[in-house]
Amino acid sequence: MLRRVELPDPDSRADLPTQSDVVIYDGNCNFCIGQVRNLRRLDIGGKRLSFLSLHDDRVTQRYPELSYDDLMAQMYVIDGSGTAHGGSEAVKYLTRRLPILWPAMPFLHLPGTAGLWRWLYNQVAKRRYKLAGKKACDSDGCSIHL
């Protein structure tokens, strides 16, 4: 059973700057929820990130260019200018956006390593339920489509 997660929502908090980034994640996946909670903690001050589950109707309304399969395959971060960063590119983007992650930035941005980070991200994404201590998803709504 999934635990309810209270995360900054892009519409419900007037204190979020308009340029805050929106993290789109699988809200039916315990592993994903855990990682989003970690991101929330890393957003010191809580003003850089807001969060939406890919299952929220607002995601398809606001970001029609992102298909359901795209969203199920990887996390996305939509930056303040509307650019979508997916998968390992989202992780790399967050290392630039969150000061506490700046020490990881040089490693993730080494020339010639983009393929390695994509591969590594995809390996984790494929095994996300196993990593969360499960053999399968809680519902058929969160199966991964790679």
Protein backbone atom coordinates (compact mmCIF):
# COMPACT_ATOMS: atom_id res chain seq x y z
CA MET A 1 0.00 0.00 0.00
CA LEU A 2 1.30 3.43 -0.91
CA ARG A 3 1.72 6.06 1.74
CA ARG A 4 0.35 9.51 1.03
CA VAL A 5 3.11 11.97 0.23
CA GLU A 6 2.70 15.67 0.88
CA LEU A 7 4.87 17.47 -1.63
CA PRO A 8 4.92 21.07 -2.84
CA ASP A 9 2.34 21.27 -5.62
CA PRO A 10 2.89 23.86 -8.38
CA ASP A 11 -0.67 25.20 -7.97
CA SER A 12 -1.28 25.08 -4.24
CA ARG A 13 1.63 27.17 -2.94
CA ALA A 14 1.74 30.87 -3.59
CA ASP A 15 5.25 31.03 -2.09
CA LEU A 16 6.78 29.04 -4.97
CA PRO A 17 8.51 31.26 -7.51
CA THR A 18 7.11 31.07 -11.03
CA GLN A 19 10.46 29.73 -12.22
CA SER A 20 10.35 26.73 -9.87
CA ASP A 21 10.96 23.44 -11.63
CA VAL A 22 8.24 20.78 -11.78
CA VAL A 23 9.35 17.20 -11.11
CA ILE A 24 7.02 14.67 -12.77
CA TYR A 25 7.30 11.24 -11.18
CA ASP A 26 5.38 7.95 -10.94
CA GLY A 27 3.14 8.51 -7.93
CA ASN A 28 2.15 4.81 -7.92
CA CYS A 29 5.73 3.62 -7.43
CA ASN A 30 7.10 3.36 -3.90
CA PHE A 31 10.71 3.58 -5.09
CA CYS A 32 9.89 6.74 -7.08
CA ILE A 33 8.06 8.27 -4.13
CA GLY A 34 11.10 7.61 -1.95
CA GLN A 35 13.40 9.32 -4.44
CA VAL A 36 11.06 12.31 -4.71
CA ARG A 37 11.03 12.61 -0.93
CA ASN A 38 14.83 12.69 -1.06
CA LEU A 39 14.71 15.43 -3.69
CA ARG A 40 12.35 17.43 -1.51
CA ARG A 41 14.82 17.21 1.38
CA LEU A 42 17.67 18.27 -0.91
CA ASP A 43 15.70 21.35 -1.99
CA ILE A 44 16.87 23.37 1.00
CA GLY A 45 14.38 26.18 1.52
CA GLY A 46 11.82 24.29 -0.55
CA LYS A 47 11.51 26.96 -3.25
CA ARG A 48 13.21 25.39 -6.27
CA LEU A 49 11.06 22.31 -6.87
CA SER A 50 7.40 21.42 -7.04
CA PHE A 51 6.04 17.96 -7.79
CA LEU A 52 3.30 16.30 -9.84
CA SER A 53 2.52 12.62 -10.19
CA LEU A 54 2.39 11.57 -13.83
CA HIS A 55 -1.08 10.24 -13.03
CA ASP A 56 -2.35 13.76 -12.25
CA ASP A 57 -4.60 15.09 -15.05
CA ARG A 58 -2.71 18.39 -15.03
CA VAL A 59 0.37 16.66 -16.46
CA THR A 60 -1.34 15.72 -19.74
CA GLN A 61 -3.01 19.14 -19.92
CA ARG A 62 0.19 21.12 -19.35
CA TYR A 63 2.74 18.89 -21.03
CA PRO A 64 0.98 17.22 -24.00
CA GLU A 65 4.33 16.65 -25.72
CA LEU A 66 5.19 14.03 -23.06
CA SER A 67 3.50 10.70 -23.75
CA TYR A 68 2.36 8.35 -21.02
CA ASP A 69 5.04 5.85 -22.09
CA ASP A 70 7.72 8.57 -21.90
CA LEU A 71 6.59 9.48 -18.40
CA MET A 72 6.48 5.84 -17.27
CA ALA A 73 9.99 5.23 -18.59
CA GLN A 74 11.69 8.06 -16.72
CA MET A 75 11.31 10.98 -14.37
CA TYR A 76 11.02 14.41 -15.95
CA VAL A 77 11.91 17.86 -14.69
CA ILE A 78 10.25 20.78 -16.46
CA ASP A 79 12.34 23.89 -15.93
CA GLY A 80 11.06 27.44 -15.56
CA SER A 81 11.33 28.05 -19.31
CA GLY A 82 9.27 24.94 -20.11
CA THR A 83 12.13 22.70 -21.25
CA ALA A 84 11.65 19.03 -20.36
CA HIS A 85 14.68 17.17 -18.98
CA GLY A 86 14.16 13.40 -18.84
CA GLY A 87 15.94 10.52 -17.14
CA SER A 88 19.67 10.99 -16.69
CA GLU A 89 19.40 14.49 -18.18
CA ALA A 90 16.93 15.35 -15.40
CA VAL A 91 19.42 14.10 -12.81
CA LYS A 92 22.20 16.14 -14.42
CA TYR A 93 19.94 19.20 -14.50
CA LEU A 94 19.14 18.78 -10.80
CA THR A 95 22.87 18.72 -9.95
CA ARG A 96 23.07 22.21 -11.43
CA ARG A 97 19.85 23.41 -9.80
CA LEU A 98 20.24 22.17 -6.21
CA PRO A 99 23.33 23.58 -4.45
CA ILE A 100 23.68 20.54 -2.19
CA LEU A 101 24.24 18.41 -5.33
CA TRP A 102 26.89 20.68 -6.83
CA PRO A 103 29.76 18.36 -5.73
CA ALA A 104 28.32 15.63 -8.02
CA MET A 105 28.07 17.97 -11.00
CA PRO A 106 31.63 17.57 -12.37
CA PHE A 107 31.31 13.77 -12.48
CA LEU A 108 27.93 13.75 -14.22
CA HIS A 109 29.05 16.34 -16.77
CA LEU A 110 32.38 14.76 -17.79
CA PRO A 111 32.72 14.82 -21.58
CA GLY A 112 31.95 11.47 -23.16
CA THR A 113 30.00 10.05 -20.20
CA ALA A 114 26.41 10.86 -21.27
CA GLY A 115 25.89 7.34 -22.64
CA LEU A 116 27.07 5.79 -19.38
CA TRP A 117 24.69 7.91 -17.30
CA ARG A 118 21.76 7.12 -19.65
CA TRP A 119 22.52 3.41 -19.39
CA LEU A 120 22.85 3.55 -15.61
CA TYR A 121 19.59 5.52 -15.23
CA ASN A 122 17.76 3.00 -17.45
CA GLN A 123 19.11 0.08 -15.43
CA VAL A 124 17.77 1.61 -12.21
CA ALA A 125 14.45 2.50 -13.89
CA LYS A 126 13.96 -1.07 -15.12
CA ARG A 127 14.64 -2.46 -11.65
CA ARG A 128 12.86 0.20 -9.60
CA TYR A 129 10.32 -2.17 -8.04
CA LYS A 130 12.95 -4.74 -7.17
CA LEU A 131 15.08 -1.98 -5.61
CA ALA A 132 12.09 -1.03 -3.47
CA GLY A 133 11.94 -4.59 -2.13
CA LYS A 134 9.10 -5.74 -4.36
CA LYS A 135 8.83 -8.30 -7.10
CA ALA A 136 6.14 -6.30 -8.88
CA CYS A 137 4.22 -3.08 -8.87
CA ASP A 138 1.27 -2.58 -6.51
CA SER A 139 -1.05 -1.99 -9.46
CA ASP A 140 -1.01 -2.48 -13.21
CA GLY A 141 -1.11 1.31 -13.55
CA CYS A 142 2.60 1.63 -12.82
CA SER A 143 4.21 -0.97 -15.06
CA ILE A 144 7.25 0.37 -16.82
CA HIS A 145 7.27 0.47 -20.61
CA LEU A 146 10.86 0.43 -21.89
